[in-house]
Amino acid sequence: MVLITEILRAKRDKKSLSRDDLYKFASGISDGMVTDYQASAFLMAAYINGLDPEETLALTMAMRDSGTVVQWDKSLSPLADKHSTGGVGDKMSLILAPLAASIGIRVPMISGRGLGHTGGTLDKLESIPGFNVNLPLERFKEQIADMGVCMIGQTDELAPADRILYSLRDATSTVTSIPLICASILSKKLAENPDILVFDVKCGAGAFMQTRDDARELAQTLVQISKMSGKRASALITSMNHPIGLSVGNTLEVQESLNILRNIGPSDSTELTIALVAEMAVHAGIDNGEELCRENLANGKAMDVFIKMVEAQGGDIAAFEALPLAPVIVDVRASRTGYWCGPDALAAGNAVRRLGGGRYRVEDRVNSLVGWEQEVPCGSPVEDGQLLGRVHAADRESAAEAARSISDSFVWDLPSEPLVYEEIR
């Protein structure tokens, strides 16, 4: 029997670990036989000495198999999901899931909550009165079979080893290890068990990966390990120097998502969502995916799917659209004439977080009404004094602070950036 200390010693000494070693480690994490200090030692050794592709795959599959792996009837294929590495104003999942379902791709989506300056899909969905993200797996599977889309949070059964290692990575300063990031993301997605995975790897000031090289390495690793696990996969490397769309904050982002589903939303959020669904369509053998997406936004089919999903999960769209605005709304205007690139994504995300729209700790409560709402798209010529956006806040003091932070971060007179930098297949 291999001892955990022998696994730690091997990785400390830059030796490759076998599949059996990594399965023993992951199962020991989930059943409590591996202590937190041993897990922390492994994380640090893996961070310093790296994991090769075979080790990364083995760790991913071991973490996946530490819990339940969802099994789907073959008649439901193709099933696909998307993962974003996190961005400011990133509400793509809310639009993508019903849009993909409307063109014949079933989307079993298990999402997370916001932590840090980036938002979380579950928090956005829960700003819809009554929406239940805590469905049991059997109900999740039934809804996928019935209407092709369901959006829930991670259950206790899925990849329990990842939950423990995820919490330790921050405490051990091993968050930025690409193999560990990949294993964490994919263990959950592979437990969900779709046929197709598409990744939106953000790059820029408001992204986890701030350089193109780092974003490319992560995208390539995610795609490689997905393919090694038997999935069809690709990734888009996308810009996150400025917020995407016109809103940051949970209620504001849901309203923007509804506007896009009604075919009246901002072009950047719309185009990125279509690009991601089109990637899924290619893997699903649908030749005209982009054309179908545009048709189903224009004819209301995607919106119909979203409404059916919301109703099936207890939500009330009419009640959402009747929600009040935040108590205090402050205008933010241009201080000069010029080409306005927009606010810095990190500054905008942190400003909304300080307003109460994000978390500093997992247990923090989120104020879904607060946020930043742009009047003018990023990358527009503006005049001195022109209204650029509004801060939605709970009180005047926090509103004034957020308005200053966002205004101070404005970027001017730089060349426009592409929405998608490159595609990885």
Protein backbone atom coordinates (compact mmCIF):
# COMPACT_ATOMS: atom_id res chain seq x y z
CA MET A 1 0.00 0.00 0.00
CA VAL A 2 1.36 3.41 -1.02
CA LEU A 3 1.63 5.86 1.87
CA ILE A 4 0.61 9.50 1.45
CA THR A 5 4.05 10.50 2.71
CA GLU A 6 5.62 8.57 -0.17
CA ILE A 7 3.44 10.48 -2.67
CA LEU A 8 4.49 13.77 -1.08
CA ARG A 9 8.15 12.76 -1.13
CA ALA A 10 7.99 11.78 -4.80
CA LYS A 11 6.48 15.09 -5.88
CA ARG A 12 8.87 17.02 -3.62
CA ASP A 13 11.74 15.25 -5.42
CA LYS A 14 10.35 16.12 -8.90
CA LYS A 15 9.24 12.58 -9.70
CA SER A 16 6.11 11.83 -11.72
CA LEU A 17 3.15 10.43 -9.86
CA SER A 18 1.16 7.49 -11.20
CA ARG A 19 -2.58 7.41 -11.76
CA ASP A 20 -2.94 5.11 -8.74
CA ASP A 21 -0.96 7.55 -6.56
CA LEU A 22 -3.22 10.45 -7.51
CA TYR A 23 -6.41 8.42 -7.07
CA LYS A 24 -5.23 7.42 -3.59
CA PHE A 25 -4.50 11.06 -2.80
CA ALA A 26 -7.91 12.32 -4.02
CA SER A 27 -9.87 9.60 -2.27
CA GLY A 28 -7.90 10.31 0.91
CA ILE A 29 -8.88 13.99 0.63
CA SER A 30 -12.58 13.20 0.34
CA ASP A 31 -12.71 10.54 3.08
CA GLY A 32 -10.56 12.48 5.55
CA MET A 33 -7.57 10.13 5.50
CA VAL A 34 -5.36 12.90 4.06
CA THR A 35 -4.99 15.78 6.50
CA ASP A 36 -5.14 19.46 5.52
CA TYR A 37 -1.43 19.85 6.18
CA GLN A 38 -0.63 16.89 3.91
CA ALA A 39 -2.90 18.27 1.20
CA SER A 40 -1.21 21.66 1.58
CA ALA A 41 2.20 20.03 1.22
CA PHE A 42 1.06 18.36 -2.00
CA LEU A 43 -0.27 21.65 -3.39
CA MET A 44 3.02 23.43 -2.71
CA ALA A 45 5.09 20.60 -4.23
CA ALA A 46 2.84 20.57 -7.31
CA TYR A 47 3.05 24.36 -7.56
CA ILE A 48 6.88 24.39 -7.39
CA ASN A 49 7.65 21.27 -9.44
CA GLY A 50 4.64 21.20 -11.73
CA LEU A 51 2.42 18.42 -13.02
CA ASP A 52 2.89 17.01 -16.51
CA PRO A 53 -0.18 16.42 -18.75
CA GLU A 54 -0.58 12.79 -17.67
CA GLU A 55 -0.41 13.77 -14.00
CA THR A 56 -2.85 16.66 -14.56
CA LEU A 57 -5.28 14.30 -16.29
CA ALA A 58 -4.94 11.70 -13.53
CA LEU A 59 -5.48 14.28 -10.77
CA THR A 60 -8.49 15.68 -12.63
CA MET A 61 -10.10 12.27 -13.07
CA ALA A 62 -9.31 11.29 -9.49
CA MET A 63 -10.97 14.45 -8.18
CA ARG A 64 -13.93 13.83 -10.50
CA ASP A 65 -14.27 10.27 -9.24
CA SER A 66 -14.11 11.33 -5.58
CA GLY A 67 -17.87 11.85 -5.92
CA THR A 68 -20.80 11.19 -8.24
CA VAL A 69 -20.41 11.35 -12.01
CA VAL A 70 -23.72 12.22 -13.69
CA GLN A 71 -24.84 9.61 -16.22
CA TRP A 72 -26.94 10.68 -19.21
CA ASP A 73 -29.08 8.70 -21.62
CA LYS A 74 -27.40 8.63 -25.04
CA SER A 75 -30.59 9.98 -26.62
CA LEU A 76 -29.95 13.35 -24.94
CA SER A 77 -26.70 14.04 -26.82
CA PRO A 78 -25.25 16.44 -27.66
CA LEU A 79 -24.81 17.88 -24.18
CA ALA A 80 -22.49 20.86 -23.79
CA ASP A 81 -21.32 23.31 -21.16
CA LYS A 82 -19.24 26.48 -21.04
CA HIS A 83 -16.79 27.62 -18.39
CA SER A 84 -15.56 31.19 -18.01
CA THR A 85 -12.45 31.97 -15.99
CA GLY A 86 -14.29 34.98 -14.55
CA GLY A 87 -14.80 38.54 -15.66
CA VAL A 88 -16.47 41.85 -14.86
CA GLY A 89 -19.93 42.15 -16.39
CA ASP A 90 -19.69 38.53 -17.56
CA LYS A 91 -23.32 37.42 -17.77
CA MET A 92 -22.79 35.16 -20.81
CA SER A 93 -24.00 31.96 -19.09
CA LEU A 94 -27.50 33.36 -18.57
CA ILE A 95 -27.85 33.97 -22.31
CA LEU A 96 -25.76 31.09 -23.61
CA ALA A 97 -27.61 28.25 -21.87
CA PRO A 98 -31.09 28.98 -23.28
CA LEU A 99 -29.68 30.09 -26.63
CA ALA A 100 -27.77 26.83 -27.09
CA ALA A 101 -30.82 24.84 -25.99
CA SER A 102 -32.92 26.69 -28.57
CA ILE A 103 -30.72 25.33 -31.40
CA GLY A 104 -30.79 21.74 -30.15
CA ILE A 105 -27.84 21.52 -27.76
CA ARG A 106 -28.74 20.45 -24.23
CA VAL A 107 -26.91 22.45 -21.56
CA PRO A 108 -26.50 20.95 -18.07
CA MET A 109 -24.86 23.90 -16.33
CA ILE A 110 -23.49 23.71 -12.79
CA SER A 111 -22.22 27.16 -11.81
CA GLY A 112 -20.58 29.00 -8.93
CA ARG A 113 -20.94 32.12 -6.82
CA GLY A 114 -18.98 35.33 -7.05
CA LEU A 115 -15.91 35.80 -4.88
CA GLY A 116 -13.52 38.67 -5.36
CA HIS A 117 -14.08 41.29 -8.03
CA THR A 118 -15.84 38.94 -10.46
CA GLY A 119 -19.51 38.03 -10.33
CA GLY A 120 -21.10 34.60 -10.02
CA THR A 121 -23.84 33.06 -12.15
CA LEU A 122 -25.74 31.72 -9.13
CA ASP A 123 -25.90 35.17 -7.51
CA LYS A 124 -27.26 36.63 -10.73
CA LEU A 125 -29.92 33.92 -11.05
CA GLU A 126 -30.95 34.35 -7.41
CA SER A 127 -31.75 38.02 -8.05
CA ILE A 128 -34.80 36.62 -9.89
CA PRO A 129 -37.43 36.20 -7.12
CA GLY A 130 -38.02 32.54 -6.32
CA PHE A 131 -35.33 31.09 -8.60
CA ASN A 132 -34.01 27.86 -7.04
CA VAL A 133 -30.41 26.93 -7.84
CA ASN A 134 -30.32 24.10 -5.28
CA LEU A 135 -32.04 21.33 -7.19
CA PRO A 136 -31.10 17.69 -6.47
CA LEU A 137 -29.27 15.91 -9.25
CA GLU A 138 -32.26 13.78 -10.24
CA ARG A 139 -34.43 16.89 -10.74
CA PHE A 140 -31.53 18.48 -12.66
CA LYS A 141 -31.41 15.48 -15.00
CA GLU A 142 -35.19 15.47 -15.48
CA GLN A 143 -35.22 19.13 -16.47
CA ILE A 144 -32.39 18.60 -18.98
CA ALA A 145 -34.39 15.76 -20.55
CA ASP A 146 -37.58 17.83 -20.55
CA MET A 147 -36.43 21.23 -21.84
CA GLY A 148 -32.72 20.97 -22.59
CA VAL A 149 -31.41 23.41 -20.01
CA CYS A 150 -30.98 23.65 -16.24
CA MET A 151 -28.71 25.91 -14.17
CA ILE A 152 -27.83 24.91 -10.61
CA GLY A 153 -25.04 25.14 -8.03
CA GLN A 154 -22.49 22.45 -7.21
CA THR A 155 -23.99 19.72 -5.07
CA ASP A 156 -22.25 17.87 -2.25
CA GLU A 157 -22.02 14.75 -4.42
CA LEU A 158 -19.90 16.35 -7.17
CA ALA A 159 -16.08 16.37 -6.88
CA PRO A 160 -15.87 16.66 -3.06
CA ALA A 161 -12.05 16.47 -3.18
CA ASP A 162 -12.01 19.66 -5.23
CA ARG A 163 -13.98 21.61 -2.62
CA ILE A 164 -11.32 20.84 -0.02
CA LEU A 165 -8.34 21.52 -2.28
CA TYR A 166 -9.98 24.69 -3.64
CA SER A 167 -10.24 26.13 -0.13
CA LEU A 168 -6.59 25.27 0.60
CA ARG A 169 -5.15 26.75 -2.61
CA ASP A 170 -5.82 30.33 -1.49
CA ALA A 171 -4.41 29.67 2.00
CA THR A 172 -1.24 28.13 0.55
CA SER A 173 -0.64 30.74 -2.22
CA THR A 174 -0.89 28.06 -4.90
CA VAL A 175 -3.88 29.56 -6.74
CA THR A 176 -1.95 30.43 -9.93
CA SER A 177 -0.72 26.92 -10.74
CA ILE A 178 -2.19 26.15 -14.18
CA PRO A 179 -2.34 22.34 -13.66
CA LEU A 180 -4.15 22.88 -10.34
CA ILE A 181 -6.53 25.41 -11.92
CA CYS A 182 -7.23 22.99 -14.73
CA ALA A 183 -7.84 20.04 -12.40
CA SER A 184 -10.21 22.13 -10.27
CA ILE A 185 -12.26 23.40 -13.21
CA LEU A 186 -12.40 20.12 -15.09
CA SER A 187 -13.08 17.82 -12.15
CA LYS A 188 -16.42 19.59 -11.69
CA LYS A 189 -17.22 19.82 -15.40
CA LEU A 190 -16.33 16.18 -16.01
CA ALA A 191 -18.49 15.13 -13.04
CA GLU A 192 -21.32 16.96 -14.83
CA ASN A 193 -20.35 14.80 -17.83
CA PRO A 194 -21.27 16.73 -21.00
CA ASP A 195 -20.07 15.66 -24.45
CA ILE A 196 -18.69 19.11 -25.30
CA LEU A 197 -16.80 21.74 -23.30
CA VAL A 198 -16.14 25.30 -24.45
CA PHE A 199 -13.94 27.64 -22.41
CA ASP A 200 -13.98 31.43 -22.26
CA VAL A 201 -10.51 32.29 -20.97
CA LYS A 202 -10.44 35.96 -20.02
CA CYS A 203 -7.30 38.05 -20.51
CA GLY A 204 -6.52 41.55 -19.24
CA ALA A 205 -6.72 43.90 -16.26
CA GLY A 206 -9.90 42.39 -14.83
CA ALA A 207 -9.00 38.77 -15.55
CA PHE A 208 -7.31 36.08 -13.50
CA MET A 209 -4.85 35.67 -16.37
CA GLN A 210 -3.65 39.17 -17.19
CA THR A 211 -1.22 38.36 -20.03
CA ARG A 212 -1.94 36.71 -23.37
CA ASP A 213 0.80 34.13 -22.76
CA ASP A 214 -0.71 33.03 -19.43
CA ALA A 215 -4.22 32.96 -20.88
CA ARG A 216 -3.02 30.91 -23.85
CA GLU A 217 -1.25 28.40 -21.59
CA LEU A 218 -4.37 27.92 -19.48
CA ALA A 219 -6.61 27.64 -22.55
CA GLN A 220 -4.31 25.08 -24.17
CA THR A 221 -4.13 23.03 -20.97
CA LEU A 222 -7.92 23.04 -20.50
CA VAL A 223 -8.50 21.95 -24.07
CA GLN A 224 -5.73 19.33 -23.99
CA ILE A 225 -6.90 17.70 -20.74
CA SER A 226 -10.54 17.81 -21.87
CA LYS A 227 -9.63 15.98 -25.06
CA MET A 228 -7.50 13.47 -23.17
CA SER A 229 -10.56 12.74 -21.01
CA GLY A 230 -12.62 12.00 -24.13
CA LYS A 231 -14.47 15.30 -24.56
CA ARG A 232 -14.79 17.57 -27.60
CA ALA A 233 -13.36 20.91 -26.53
CA SER A 234 -12.14 24.34 -27.61
CA ALA A 235 -11.44 27.71 -26.02
CA LEU A 236 -11.72 31.38 -26.87
CA ILE A 237 -9.26 33.85 -25.35
CA THR A 238 -11.29 37.02 -24.81
CA SER A 239 -10.65 40.58 -23.68
CA MET A 240 -11.24 41.67 -20.08
CA ASN A 241 -9.49 45.04 -19.81
CA HIS A 242 -12.89 46.75 -19.59
CA PRO A 243 -16.27 45.45 -18.41
CA ILE A 244 -18.20 43.53 -21.03
CA GLY A 245 -21.67 44.80 -21.84
CA LEU A 246 -23.25 47.80 -20.16
CA SER A 247 -23.76 46.57 -16.62
CA VAL A 248 -21.91 45.22 -13.59
CA GLY A 249 -24.01 44.00 -10.66
CA ASN A 250 -26.45 41.12 -10.32
CA THR A 251 -29.87 42.63 -11.04
CA LEU A 252 -28.48 44.96 -13.69
CA GLU A 253 -26.75 42.06 -15.43
CA VAL A 254 -29.89 39.91 -15.42
CA GLN A 255 -31.82 42.79 -16.98
CA GLU A 256 -29.12 43.12 -19.63
CA SER A 257 -29.38 39.38 -20.28
CA LEU A 258 -33.13 39.73 -20.79
CA ASN A 259 -32.49 42.58 -23.22
CA ILE A 260 -30.07 40.41 -25.21
CA LEU A 261 -32.57 37.55 -25.28
CA ARG A 262 -35.08 40.10 -26.63
CA ASN A 263 -32.48 41.01 -29.27
CA ILE A 264 -32.02 44.57 -27.97
CA GLY A 265 -28.91 44.14 -25.82
CA PRO A 266 -25.38 45.51 -26.21
CA SER A 267 -23.47 44.15 -29.17
CA ASP A 268 -20.33 42.94 -27.35
CA SER A 269 -22.19 40.69 -24.88
CA THR A 270 -24.41 39.45 -27.70
CA GLU A 271 -21.54 38.69 -30.08
CA LEU A 272 -19.43 36.89 -27.48
CA THR A 273 -22.36 34.69 -26.48
CA ILE A 274 -23.05 33.82 -30.10
CA ALA A 275 -19.35 33.04 -30.65
CA LEU A 276 -19.34 30.63 -27.68
CA VAL A 277 -22.55 28.88 -28.76
CA ALA A 278 -21.19 28.65 -32.31
CA GLU A 279 -18.16 26.78 -30.88
CA MET A 280 -20.53 24.31 -29.23
CA ALA A 281 -22.42 23.95 -32.51
CA VAL A 282 -19.25 23.07 -34.44
CA HIS A 283 -18.48 20.26 -31.98
CA ALA A 284 -22.13 19.11 -32.16
CA GLY A 285 -22.02 18.89 -35.96
CA ILE A 286 -24.39 21.83 -36.49
CA ASP A 287 -23.05 23.67 -39.53
CA ASN A 288 -25.10 26.88 -39.25
CA GLY A 289 -24.88 27.47 -35.51
CA GLU A 290 -24.20 31.19 -35.69
CA GLU A 291 -27.07 31.75 -38.13
CA LEU A 292 -29.46 29.75 -35.92
CA CYS A 293 -28.40 31.77 -32.86
CA ARG A 294 -29.18 35.06 -34.59
CA GLU A 295 -32.53 33.72 -35.81
CA ASN A 296 -33.54 32.48 -32.36
CA LEU A 297 -32.67 35.79 -30.71
CA ALA A 298 -34.70 37.63 -33.35
CA ASN A 299 -37.73 35.30 -33.28
CA GLY A 300 -37.92 34.95 -29.49
CA LYS A 301 -37.19 31.21 -29.26
CA ALA A 302 -34.18 31.70 -26.98
CA MET A 303 -36.21 33.97 -24.70
CA ASP A 304 -38.99 31.37 -24.55
CA VAL A 305 -36.51 28.73 -23.40
CA PHE A 306 -35.15 31.06 -20.70
CA ILE A 307 -38.66 31.84 -19.39
CA LYS A 308 -39.54 28.13 -19.27
CA MET A 309 -36.33 27.38 -17.36
CA VAL A 310 -36.96 30.19 -14.87
CA GLU A 311 -40.55 29.03 -14.27
CA ALA A 312 -39.46 25.40 -13.89
CA GLN A 313 -36.99 26.46 -11.20
CA GLY A 314 -39.53 28.58 -9.30
CA GLY A 315 -38.53 32.00 -10.63
CA ASP A 316 -40.81 34.89 -11.58
CA ILE A 317 -39.68 37.13 -14.46
CA ALA A 318 -42.56 39.60 -13.94
CA ALA A 319 -41.62 39.99 -10.28
CA PHE A 320 -37.98 40.51 -11.29
CA GLU A 321 -38.85 43.27 -13.73
CA ALA A 322 -40.96 44.95 -11.05
CA LEU A 323 -38.03 45.11 -8.60
CA PRO A 324 -37.17 48.61 -7.37
CA LEU A 325 -33.94 50.33 -8.33
CA ALA A 326 -31.23 50.84 -5.72
CA PRO A 327 -32.06 53.68 -3.27
CA VAL A 328 -29.31 55.99 -4.55
CA ILE A 329 -28.31 56.51 -8.18
CA VAL A 330 -25.42 58.83 -9.06
CA ASP A 331 -24.53 60.01 -12.56
CA VAL A 332 -20.93 59.76 -13.78
CA ARG A 333 -19.97 62.13 -16.60
CA ALA A 334 -17.03 62.58 -18.93
CA SER A 335 -14.37 64.98 -17.68
CA ARG A 336 -13.07 65.61 -21.21
CA THR A 337 -13.76 65.11 -24.89
CA GLY A 338 -12.11 62.13 -26.54
CA TYR A 339 -12.27 58.44 -27.36
CA TRP A 340 -13.52 56.75 -24.20
CA CYS A 341 -12.26 53.18 -23.84
CA GLY A 342 -14.27 52.60 -20.65
CA PRO A 343 -13.47 52.01 -16.99
CA ASP A 344 -10.70 49.64 -15.96
CA ALA A 345 -12.38 46.25 -15.43
CA LEU A 346 -10.65 45.53 -12.12
CA ALA A 347 -11.50 48.99 -10.74
CA ALA A 348 -15.15 48.65 -11.77
CA GLY A 349 -15.41 45.14 -10.33
CA ASN A 350 -13.87 46.22 -7.02
CA ALA A 351 -16.09 49.31 -6.84
CA VAL A 352 -19.22 47.18 -7.20
CA ARG A 353 -17.83 44.73 -4.66
CA ARG A 354 -17.37 47.57 -2.12
CA LEU A 355 -20.95 48.68 -2.80
CA GLY A 356 -22.05 45.27 -1.51
CA GLY A 357 -22.49 43.67 -4.91
CA GLY A 358 -19.71 41.12 -4.31
CA ARG A 359 -18.09 39.12 -1.55
CA TYR A 360 -14.94 39.35 0.56
CA ARG A 361 -15.80 36.09 2.35
CA VAL A 362 -17.87 33.13 1.20
CA GLU A 363 -20.51 33.84 3.86
CA ASP A 364 -21.02 37.52 2.91
CA ARG A 365 -24.51 38.51 1.72
CA VAL A 366 -24.76 40.20 -1.66
CA ASN A 367 -26.89 43.27 -2.40
CA SER A 368 -28.26 42.39 -5.84
CA LEU A 369 -29.51 45.93 -6.62
CA VAL A 370 -26.19 47.77 -6.52
CA GLY A 371 -23.85 48.13 -9.45
CA TRP A 372 -22.49 50.13 -12.38
CA GLU A 373 -24.73 50.81 -15.39
CA GLN A 374 -23.15 52.32 -18.49
CA GLU A 375 -25.02 54.69 -20.76
CA VAL A 376 -22.28 54.59 -23.41
CA PRO A 377 -20.53 51.43 -24.70
CA CYS A 378 -16.80 51.10 -24.13
CA GLY A 379 -14.89 52.32 -27.16
CA SER A 380 -17.00 55.37 -28.03
CA PRO A 381 -16.23 59.03 -28.86
CA VAL A 382 -17.70 61.25 -26.12
CA GLU A 383 -18.01 64.94 -25.29
CA ASP A 384 -16.94 66.73 -22.11
CA GLY A 385 -19.79 66.50 -19.58
CA GLN A 386 -21.59 63.67 -21.40
CA LEU A 387 -23.35 61.10 -19.19
CA LEU A 388 -21.30 57.89 -19.32
CA GLY A 389 -22.98 55.81 -16.66
CA ARG A 390 -24.65 55.57 -13.28
CA VAL A 391 -23.68 54.07 -9.96
CA HIS A 392 -26.52 52.21 -8.18
CA ALA A 393 -25.91 52.16 -4.42
CA ALA A 394 -27.48 51.66 -1.00
CA ASP A 395 -26.40 55.08 0.34
CA ARG A 396 -24.89 58.34 -0.86
CA GLU A 397 -21.50 57.87 0.76
CA SER A 398 -20.80 54.52 -0.91
CA ALA A 399 -22.24 55.84 -4.18
CA ALA A 400 -19.87 58.82 -4.18
CA GLU A 401 -16.87 56.60 -3.40
CA ALA A 402 -17.75 54.15 -6.19
CA ALA A 403 -18.32 56.98 -8.67
CA ARG A 404 -14.88 58.42 -7.87
CA SER A 405 -13.16 55.04 -8.18
CA ILE A 406 -14.78 54.23 -11.49
CA SER A 407 -14.24 57.72 -12.91
CA ASP A 408 -10.59 57.73 -11.83
CA SER A 409 -10.06 54.46 -13.71
CA PHE A 410 -11.34 55.70 -17.08
CA VAL A 411 -9.05 54.84 -19.99
CA TRP A 412 -8.83 57.26 -22.91
CA ASP A 413 -7.61 57.38 -26.50
CA LEU A 414 -6.22 53.87 -26.93
CA PRO A 415 -6.86 51.70 -30.01
CA SER A 416 -9.92 49.47 -29.79
CA GLU A 417 -9.34 45.82 -28.83
CA PRO A 418 -10.79 42.71 -30.47
CA LEU A 419 -13.48 40.93 -28.48
CA VAL A 420 -11.84 37.54 -29.14
CA TYR A 421 -8.04 37.41 -29.29
CA GLU A 422 -7.70 33.84 -30.50
CA GLU A 423 -9.26 30.40 -30.63
CA ILE A 424 -7.65 27.25 -29.21
CA ARG A 425 -8.67 23.86 -30.55
